[in-house]
Amino acid sequence: MNHTIYNHTDFAPIGCDDCNGCSKCCTDMGESIVLDPYDMYMLTSNLKLAGGMPATYEILTSEDGPLTLASQNGLILPCIKMVVDEAAPADAVGTCAFLNKNGRCSIHKIRTGLCRLYPLGRTYHEDTLSYFVLDDALGCPSNLKTPVKIEDWIAIPDMDAYEAFLLKWHAIKKSLQSAICEGASSGQMTMQTVTSIMSRFLAVFYQKPYGKDFYAEFAARVSLWEKGI
């Protein structure tokens, strides 16, 4: 199916009347809501847990935390857990760990980039990225689909800086995926080596808290990663 391609200054038919209490896109998502470093920065910088304790990578990815680590296209990355109430029937589907009892997002102001993006998808080019409406978004219960400016929909300050980060992050992941795939296929990379690489990857880009200037610090971490430090 051919898609209409948009940039972030365009209007797309994605408005849904503020979901009007619907949480369909927060349900039964498996391990698909993957966090990038900006998402982790937003959570650890803003999320306060019980007792006012600030969230950290270790707390968020602990056994009882709202995140888990999962394999995504050959990489190990943090993603949001889908949880099922203990009293729910056996065939009940999981819902986002951040969804409250009223079916609303409890972290809406700091929600992940993928949550902000839906029902849009992204396509990456060398120095630009574009947007399109996902085919499965047609199943959204809302029939309004009013035009909304994409940068207003995503609602992240300085979209140019954010998109530059996304492009660099996509390139880093793609390069790492290729290296692991080629190394494994040729027999030159053992499972132990892959595990070591992924541990360093998570340590560099996720585990250490980011400061106030995320983009500058991310660039510094990219430099460390590329230098093998």
C-alpha atoms as a PDB file:
ATOM      1  CA  MET A   1       0.000   0.000   0.000  1.00  0.00           C
ATOM      2  CA  ASN A   2       1.314   3.431  -0.926  1.00  0.00           C
ATOM      3  CA  HIS A   3       1.457   5.925   1.915  1.00  0.00           C
ATOM      4  CA  THR A   4       1.285   9.684   1.906  1.00  0.00           C
ATOM      5  CA  ILE A   5       4.618  10.938   3.224  1.00  0.00           C
ATOM      6  CA  TYR A   6       4.766  13.881   5.621  1.00  0.00           C
ATOM      7  CA  ASN A   7       7.368  15.988   7.378  1.00  0.00           C
ATOM      8  CA  HIS A   8       6.896  17.344  10.880  1.00  0.00           C
ATOM      9  CA  THR A   9       5.498  20.670   9.680  1.00  0.00           C
ATOM     10  CA  ASP A  10       2.701  18.981   7.700  1.00  0.00           C
ATOM     11  CA  PHE A  11      -0.841  18.226   8.844  1.00  0.00           C
ATOM     12  CA  ALA A  12      -1.918  14.563   8.894  1.00  0.00           C
ATOM     13  CA  PRO A  13      -5.380  12.992   9.533  1.00  0.00           C
ATOM     14  CA  ILE A  14      -4.549  11.599  12.969  1.00  0.00           C
ATOM     15  CA  GLY A  15      -6.702  13.540  15.435  1.00  0.00           C
ATOM     16  CA  CYS A  16      -8.776  11.285  17.710  1.00  0.00           C
ATOM     17  CA  ASP A  17     -10.649  13.604  20.079  1.00  0.00           C
ATOM     18  CA  ASP A  18      -7.985  13.159  22.791  1.00  0.00           C
ATOM     19  CA  CYS A  19      -8.764   9.407  22.727  1.00  0.00           C
ATOM     20  CA  ASN A  20     -11.961  10.177  24.663  1.00  0.00           C
ATOM     21  CA  GLY A  21     -11.134   7.587  27.311  1.00  0.00           C
ATOM     22  CA  CYS A  22     -10.026   4.914  24.830  1.00  0.00           C
ATOM     23  CA  SER A  23      -6.814   3.014  25.556  1.00  0.00           C
ATOM     24  CA  LYS A  24      -6.835   0.470  22.729  1.00  0.00           C
ATOM     25  CA  CYS A  25      -3.334   1.440  21.552  1.00  0.00           C
ATOM     26  CA  CYS A  26      -2.039   0.936  25.135  1.00  0.00           C
ATOM     27  CA  THR A  27      -3.199  -2.684  25.234  1.00  0.00           C
ATOM     28  CA  ASP A  28      -1.695  -5.972  24.053  1.00  0.00           C
ATOM     29  CA  MET A  29       1.414  -4.333  22.565  1.00  0.00           C
ATOM     30  CA  GLY A  30       3.803  -7.111  23.574  1.00  0.00           C
ATOM     31  CA  GLU A  31       7.381  -5.832  23.683  1.00  0.00           C
ATOM     32  CA  SER A  32       6.947  -3.321  20.876  1.00  0.00           C
ATOM     33  CA  ILE A  33       7.116  -0.095  22.927  1.00  0.00           C
ATOM     34  CA  VAL A  34      10.903   0.187  22.889  1.00  0.00           C
ATOM     35  CA  LEU A  35      12.622   3.072  24.656  1.00  0.00           C
ATOM     36  CA  ASP A  36      15.409   5.109  23.117  1.00  0.00           C
ATOM     37  CA  PRO A  37      17.886   7.165  25.213  1.00  0.00           C
ATOM     38  CA  TYR A  38      15.678  10.270  25.059  1.00  0.00           C
ATOM     39  CA  ASP A  39      12.788   8.262  26.510  1.00  0.00           C
ATOM     40  CA  MET A  40      14.990   7.012  29.338  1.00  0.00           C
ATOM     41  CA  TYR A  41      16.228  10.554  29.950  1.00  0.00           C
ATOM     42  CA  MET A  42      12.647  11.813  30.247  1.00  0.00           C
ATOM     43  CA  LEU A  43      11.606   9.022  32.627  1.00  0.00           C
ATOM     44  CA  THR A  44      14.617   9.199  34.929  1.00  0.00           C
ATOM     45  CA  SER A  45      14.560  13.021  34.953  1.00  0.00           C
ATOM     46  CA  ASN A  46      10.865  13.411  35.719  1.00  0.00           C
ATOM     47  CA  LEU A  47       9.319  10.242  37.120  1.00  0.00           C
ATOM     48  CA  LYS A  48       8.935   9.997  40.875  1.00  0.00           C
ATOM     49  CA  LEU A  49       8.041   6.654  42.401  1.00  0.00           C
ATOM     50  CA  ALA A  50       6.431   5.753  45.738  1.00  0.00           C
ATOM     51  CA  GLY A  51       7.793   7.884  48.561  1.00  0.00           C
ATOM     52  CA  GLY A  52       9.029  10.516  46.125  1.00  0.00           C
ATOM     53  CA  MET A  53      12.047   8.444  45.092  1.00  0.00           C
ATOM     54  CA  PRO A  54      13.391   9.436  41.656  1.00  0.00           C
ATOM     55  CA  ALA A  55      13.275   6.721  39.033  1.00  0.00           C
ATOM     56  CA  THR A  56      16.551   5.243  37.813  1.00  0.00           C
ATOM     57  CA  TYR A  57      17.431   2.771  35.087  1.00  0.00           C
ATOM     58  CA  GLU A  58      17.959   0.056  37.711  1.00  0.00           C
ATOM     59  CA  ILE A  59      14.566   0.676  39.342  1.00  0.00           C
ATOM     60  CA  LEU A  60      12.709   0.921  36.052  1.00  0.00           C
ATOM     61  CA  THR A  61      14.163  -2.339  34.721  1.00  0.00           C
ATOM     62  CA  SER A  62      14.019  -4.286  37.999  1.00  0.00           C
ATOM     63  CA  GLU A  63      11.818  -7.367  38.271  1.00  0.00           C
ATOM     64  CA  ASP A  64       8.981  -5.283  39.712  1.00  0.00           C
ATOM     65  CA  GLY A  65       9.622  -2.223  37.550  1.00  0.00           C
ATOM     66  CA  PRO A  66       7.483  -1.002  34.631  1.00  0.00           C
ATOM     67  CA  LEU A  67      10.163  -1.802  32.044  1.00  0.00           C
ATOM     68  CA  THR A  68      11.866  -4.964  30.883  1.00  0.00           C
ATOM     69  CA  LEU A  69      14.714  -5.843  28.556  1.00  0.00           C
ATOM     70  CA  ALA A  70      13.782  -7.577  25.319  1.00  0.00           C
ATOM     71  CA  SER A  71      15.379  -8.645  22.060  1.00  0.00           C
ATOM     72  CA  GLN A  72      14.531  -6.232  19.250  1.00  0.00           C
ATOM     73  CA  ASN A  73      15.970  -7.062  15.815  1.00  0.00           C
ATOM     74  CA  GLY A  74      19.072  -8.590  17.361  1.00  0.00           C
ATOM     75  CA  LEU A  75      19.592  -5.892  20.006  1.00  0.00           C
ATOM     76  CA  ILE A  76      18.686  -5.965  23.698  1.00  0.00           C
ATOM     77  CA  LEU A  77      16.708  -2.821  24.534  1.00  0.00           C
ATOM     78  CA  PRO A  78      14.402  -1.643  27.322  1.00  0.00           C
ATOM     79  CA  CYS A  79      10.685  -1.663  26.591  1.00  0.00           C
ATOM     80  CA  ILE A  80       7.464  -1.062  28.512  1.00  0.00           C
ATOM     81  CA  LYS A  81       5.903  -4.090  30.179  1.00  0.00           C
ATOM     82  CA  MET A  82       2.392  -5.204  29.386  1.00  0.00           C
ATOM     83  CA  VAL A  83       0.836  -6.321  32.667  1.00  0.00           C
ATOM     84  CA  VAL A  84      -2.231  -8.427  33.464  1.00  0.00           C
ATOM     85  CA  ASP A  85      -4.227  -8.056  36.664  1.00  0.00           C
ATOM     86  CA  GLU A  86      -3.972 -11.141  38.867  1.00  0.00           C
ATOM     87  CA  ALA A  87      -7.763 -11.329  39.056  1.00  0.00           C
ATOM     88  CA  ALA A  88      -8.178 -11.149  35.277  1.00  0.00           C
ATOM     89  CA  PRO A  89      -9.280 -14.229  33.288  1.00  0.00           C
ATOM     90  CA  ALA A  90      -6.596 -16.441  31.784  1.00  0.00           C
ATOM     91  CA  ASP A  91      -7.139 -15.091  28.276  1.00  0.00           C
ATOM     92  CA  ALA A  92      -6.903 -11.435  29.329  1.00  0.00           C
ATOM     93  CA  VAL A  93      -4.474  -9.279  27.359  1.00  0.00           C
ATOM     94  CA  GLY A  94      -1.840  -7.128  29.001  1.00  0.00           C
ATOM     95  CA  THR A  95      -2.015  -3.376  29.323  1.00  0.00           C
ATOM     96  CA  CYS A  96       0.749  -0.792  29.551  1.00  0.00           C
ATOM     97  CA  ALA A  97       2.387  -0.686  32.989  1.00  0.00           C
ATOM     98  CA  PHE A  98       1.847   3.083  33.022  1.00  0.00           C
ATOM     99  CA  LEU A  99      -1.883   2.922  32.319  1.00  0.00           C
ATOM    100  CA  ASN A 100      -3.948   3.925  35.355  1.00  0.00           C
ATOM    101  CA  LYS A 101      -7.219   2.381  36.579  1.00  0.00           C
ATOM    102  CA  ASN A 102      -9.204   4.913  34.558  1.00  0.00           C
ATOM    103  CA  GLY A 103      -7.571   3.748  31.347  1.00  0.00           C
ATOM    104  CA  ARG A 104      -5.481   6.892  31.001  1.00  0.00           C
ATOM    105  CA  CYS A 105      -1.714   7.345  30.673  1.00  0.00           C
ATOM    106  CA  SER A 106      -0.156   8.187  34.046  1.00  0.00           C
ATOM    107  CA  ILE A 107       2.980   9.603  32.395  1.00  0.00           C
ATOM    108  CA  HIS A 108       1.366  11.406  29.481  1.00  0.00           C
ATOM    109  CA  LYS A 109       3.584  14.504  29.697  1.00  0.00           C
ATOM    110  CA  ILE A 110       6.731  12.351  29.579  1.00  0.00           C
ATOM    111  CA  ARG A 111       5.414   9.438  27.495  1.00  0.00           C
ATOM    112  CA  THR A 112       7.759   7.653  25.115  1.00  0.00           C
ATOM    113  CA  GLY A 113       8.503   8.730  21.571  1.00  0.00           C
ATOM    114  CA  LEU A 114       6.679   5.735  20.090  1.00  0.00           C
ATOM    115  CA  CYS A 115       3.590   6.535  22.154  1.00  0.00           C
ATOM    116  CA  ARG A 116       3.732  10.141  20.961  1.00  0.00           C
ATOM    117  CA  LEU A 117       4.182   8.995  17.381  1.00  0.00           C
ATOM    118  CA  TYR A 118       1.215   6.598  17.072  1.00  0.00           C
ATOM    119  CA  PRO A 119      -0.722   6.333  14.739  1.00  0.00           C
ATOM    120  CA  LEU A 120       2.253   7.465  12.665  1.00  0.00           C
ATOM    121  CA  GLY A 121       5.277   5.527  11.535  1.00  0.00           C
ATOM    122  CA  ARG A 122       8.703   6.881  10.542  1.00  0.00           C
ATOM    123  CA  THR A 123      10.904   6.284   7.519  1.00  0.00           C
ATOM    124  CA  TYR A 124      14.613   7.086   7.719  1.00  0.00           C
ATOM    125  CA  HIS A 125      16.809   8.588   5.034  1.00  0.00           C
ATOM    126  CA  GLU A 126      20.460   9.630   5.200  1.00  0.00           C
ATOM    127  CA  ASP A 127      19.833  13.071   6.642  1.00  0.00           C
ATOM    128  CA  THR A 128      16.056  13.339   6.980  1.00  0.00           C
ATOM    129  CA  LEU A 129      13.152  11.360   8.313  1.00  0.00           C
ATOM    130  CA  SER A 130       9.546  11.323   7.207  1.00  0.00           C
ATOM    131  CA  TYR A 131       6.214  10.212   8.612  1.00  0.00           C
ATOM    132  CA  PHE A 132       3.272   8.165   7.365  1.00  0.00           C
ATOM    133  CA  VAL A 133      -0.007   6.935   8.838  1.00  0.00           C
ATOM    134  CA  LEU A 134       0.221   3.293   9.904  1.00  0.00           C
ATOM    135  CA  ASP A 135      -2.135   0.867   8.171  1.00  0.00           C
ATOM    136  CA  ASP A 136      -3.269  -0.720  11.450  1.00  0.00           C
ATOM    137  CA  ALA A 137      -4.218   2.714  12.760  1.00  0.00           C
ATOM    138  CA  LEU A 138      -7.342   2.333  10.645  1.00  0.00           C
ATOM    139  CA  GLY A 139      -8.646   0.088  13.408  1.00  0.00           C
ATOM    140  CA  CYS A 140      -8.664   2.945  15.912  1.00  0.00           C
ATOM    141  CA  PRO A 141     -12.191   3.288  17.368  1.00  0.00           C
ATOM    142  CA  SER A 142     -12.171   7.036  16.727  1.00  0.00           C
ATOM    143  CA  ASN A 143     -13.736   7.955  13.393  1.00  0.00           C
ATOM    144  CA  LEU A 144     -12.834  11.639  13.613  1.00  0.00           C
ATOM    145  CA  LYS A 145      -9.262  11.615  12.294  1.00  0.00           C
ATOM    146  CA  THR A 146      -9.043  15.386  12.155  1.00  0.00           C
ATOM    147  CA  PRO A 147      -5.951  17.018  10.630  1.00  0.00           C
ATOM    148  CA  VAL A 148      -3.235  17.750  13.190  1.00  0.00           C
ATOM    149  CA  LYS A 149       0.197  19.278  12.634  1.00  0.00           C
ATOM    150  CA  ILE A 150       2.676  16.471  13.245  1.00  0.00           C
ATOM    151  CA  GLU A 151       5.086  18.493  15.393  1.00  0.00           C
ATOM    152  CA  ASP A 152       2.143  19.501  17.597  1.00  0.00           C
ATOM    153  CA  TRP A 153       1.022  15.875  17.813  1.00  0.00           C
ATOM    154  CA  ILE A 154       4.458  14.639  18.883  1.00  0.00           C
ATOM    155  CA  ALA A 155       4.872  17.677  21.150  1.00  0.00           C
ATOM    156  CA  ILE A 156       8.600  17.513  21.799  1.00  0.00           C
ATOM    157  CA  PRO A 157      10.487  20.843  21.970  1.00  0.00           C
ATOM    158  CA  ASP A 158      12.967  21.574  19.153  1.00  0.00           C
ATOM    159  CA  MET A 159      11.872  19.001  16.599  1.00  0.00           C
ATOM    160  CA  ASP A 160      14.968  19.628  14.477  1.00  0.00           C
ATOM    161  CA  ALA A 161      17.259  18.583  17.342  1.00  0.00           C
ATOM    162  CA  TYR A 162      14.996  15.645  18.195  1.00  0.00           C
ATOM    163  CA  GLU A 163      14.936  14.386  14.609  1.00  0.00           C
ATOM    164  CA  ALA A 164      18.720  14.756  14.344  1.00  0.00           C
ATOM    165  CA  PHE A 165      19.009  12.579  17.451  1.00  0.00           C
ATOM    166  CA  LEU A 166      16.599   9.996  15.985  1.00  0.00           C
ATOM    167  CA  LEU A 167      18.579   9.816  12.751  1.00  0.00           C
ATOM    168  CA  LYS A 168      21.853   9.285  14.615  1.00  0.00           C
ATOM    169  CA  TRP A 169      20.294   6.718  16.946  1.00  0.00           C
ATOM    170  CA  HIS A 170      18.819   4.818  13.998  1.00  0.00           C
ATOM    171  CA  ALA A 171      22.225   4.760  12.297  1.00  0.00           C
ATOM    172  CA  ILE A 172      23.942   3.478  15.454  1.00  0.00           C
ATOM    173  CA  LYS A 173      21.424   0.669  15.910  1.00  0.00           C
ATOM    174  CA  LYS A 174      21.521  -0.286  12.237  1.00  0.00           C
ATOM    175  CA  SER A 175      25.323  -0.435  12.257  1.00  0.00           C
ATOM    176  CA  LEU A 176      25.374  -2.531  15.429  1.00  0.00           C
ATOM    177  CA  GLN A 177      22.717  -4.904  14.099  1.00  0.00           C
ATOM    178  CA  SER A 178      24.725  -5.421  10.909  1.00  0.00           C
ATOM    179  CA  ALA A 179      27.959  -6.016  12.830  1.00  0.00           C
ATOM    180  CA  ILE A 180      26.342  -8.590  15.121  1.00  0.00           C
ATOM    181  CA  CYS A 181      24.569 -10.351  12.249  1.00  0.00           C
ATOM    182  CA  GLU A 182      27.699 -10.518  10.088  1.00  0.00           C
ATOM    183  CA  GLY A 183      29.882 -11.578  13.021  1.00  0.00           C
ATOM    184  CA  ALA A 184      27.495 -14.336  14.033  1.00  0.00           C
ATOM    185  CA  SER A 185      27.082 -15.583  10.459  1.00  0.00           C
ATOM    186  CA  SER A 186      30.829 -15.791   9.909  1.00  0.00           C
ATOM    187  CA  GLY A 187      31.446 -17.447  13.247  1.00  0.00           C
ATOM    188  CA  GLN A 188      33.744 -14.630  14.330  1.00  0.00           C
ATOM    189  CA  MET A 189      31.396 -13.424  17.089  1.00  0.00           C
ATOM    190  CA  THR A 190      30.380 -15.740  19.925  1.00  0.00           C
ATOM    191  CA  MET A 191      27.285 -15.347  22.095  1.00  0.00           C
ATOM    192  CA  GLN A 192      29.571 -14.244  24.918  1.00  0.00           C
ATOM    193  CA  THR A 193      30.970 -11.503  22.695  1.00  0.00           C
ATOM    194  CA  VAL A 194      27.492 -10.339  21.693  1.00  0.00           C
ATOM    195  CA  THR A 195      26.439 -10.248  25.346  1.00  0.00           C
ATOM    196  CA  SER A 196      29.500  -8.174  26.207  1.00  0.00           C
ATOM    197  CA  ILE A 197      28.796  -5.735  23.363  1.00  0.00           C
ATOM    198  CA  MET A 198      25.173  -5.316  24.388  1.00  0.00           C
ATOM    199  CA  SER A 199      26.137  -4.786  28.030  1.00  0.00           C
ATOM    200  CA  ARG A 200      28.439  -1.967  26.982  1.00  0.00           C
ATOM    201  CA  PHE A 201      25.765  -0.568  24.651  1.00  0.00           C
ATOM    202  CA  LEU A 202      23.236  -0.380  27.493  1.00  0.00           C
ATOM    203  CA  ALA A 203      25.827   1.044  29.877  1.00  0.00           C
ATOM    204  CA  VAL A 204      26.850   3.820  27.482  1.00  0.00           C
ATOM    205  CA  PHE A 205      23.421   4.927  26.304  1.00  0.00           C
ATOM    206  CA  TYR A 206      20.965   3.986  29.063  1.00  0.00           C
ATOM    207  CA  GLN A 207      22.273   3.180  32.513  1.00  0.00           C
ATOM    208  CA  LYS A 208      24.035   6.419  33.443  1.00  0.00           C
ATOM    209  CA  PRO A 209      21.565   9.289  34.076  1.00  0.00           C
ATOM    210  CA  TYR A 210      21.603  12.135  31.566  1.00  0.00           C
ATOM    211  CA  GLY A 211      22.099  15.755  32.598  1.00  0.00           C
ATOM    212  CA  LYS A 212      19.970  18.742  31.623  1.00  0.00           C
ATOM    213  CA  ASP A 213      21.380  19.074  28.080  1.00  0.00           C
ATOM    214  CA  PHE A 214      20.382  15.698  26.661  1.00  0.00           C
ATOM    215  CA  TYR A 215      21.491  16.307  23.079  1.00  0.00           C
ATOM    216  CA  ALA A 216      25.001  17.480  24.004  1.00  0.00           C
ATOM    217  CA  GLU A 217      25.457  14.552  26.379  1.00  0.00           C
ATOM    218  CA  PHE A 218      24.104  12.069  23.842  1.00  0.00           C
ATOM    219  CA  ALA A 219      26.653  13.375  21.304  1.00  0.00           C
ATOM    220  CA  ALA A 220      29.412  12.861  23.866  1.00  0.00           C
ATOM    221  CA  ARG A 221      28.260   9.299  24.487  1.00  0.00           C
ATOM    222  CA  VAL A 222      28.170   8.611  20.756  1.00  0.00           C
ATOM    223  CA  SER A 223      31.805   9.685  20.620  1.00  0.00           C
ATOM    224  CA  LEU A 224      32.708   7.302  23.465  1.00  0.00           C
ATOM    225  CA  TRP A 225      30.801   4.485  21.796  1.00  0.00           C
ATOM    226  CA  GLU A 226      32.454   4.998  18.416  1.00  0.00           C
ATOM    227  CA  LYS A 227      35.897   5.193  20.031  1.00  0.00           C
ATOM    228  CA  GLY A 228      35.233   1.964  21.889  1.00  0.00           C
ATOM    229  CA  ILE A 229      35.654   3.611  25.309  1.00  0.00           C
END
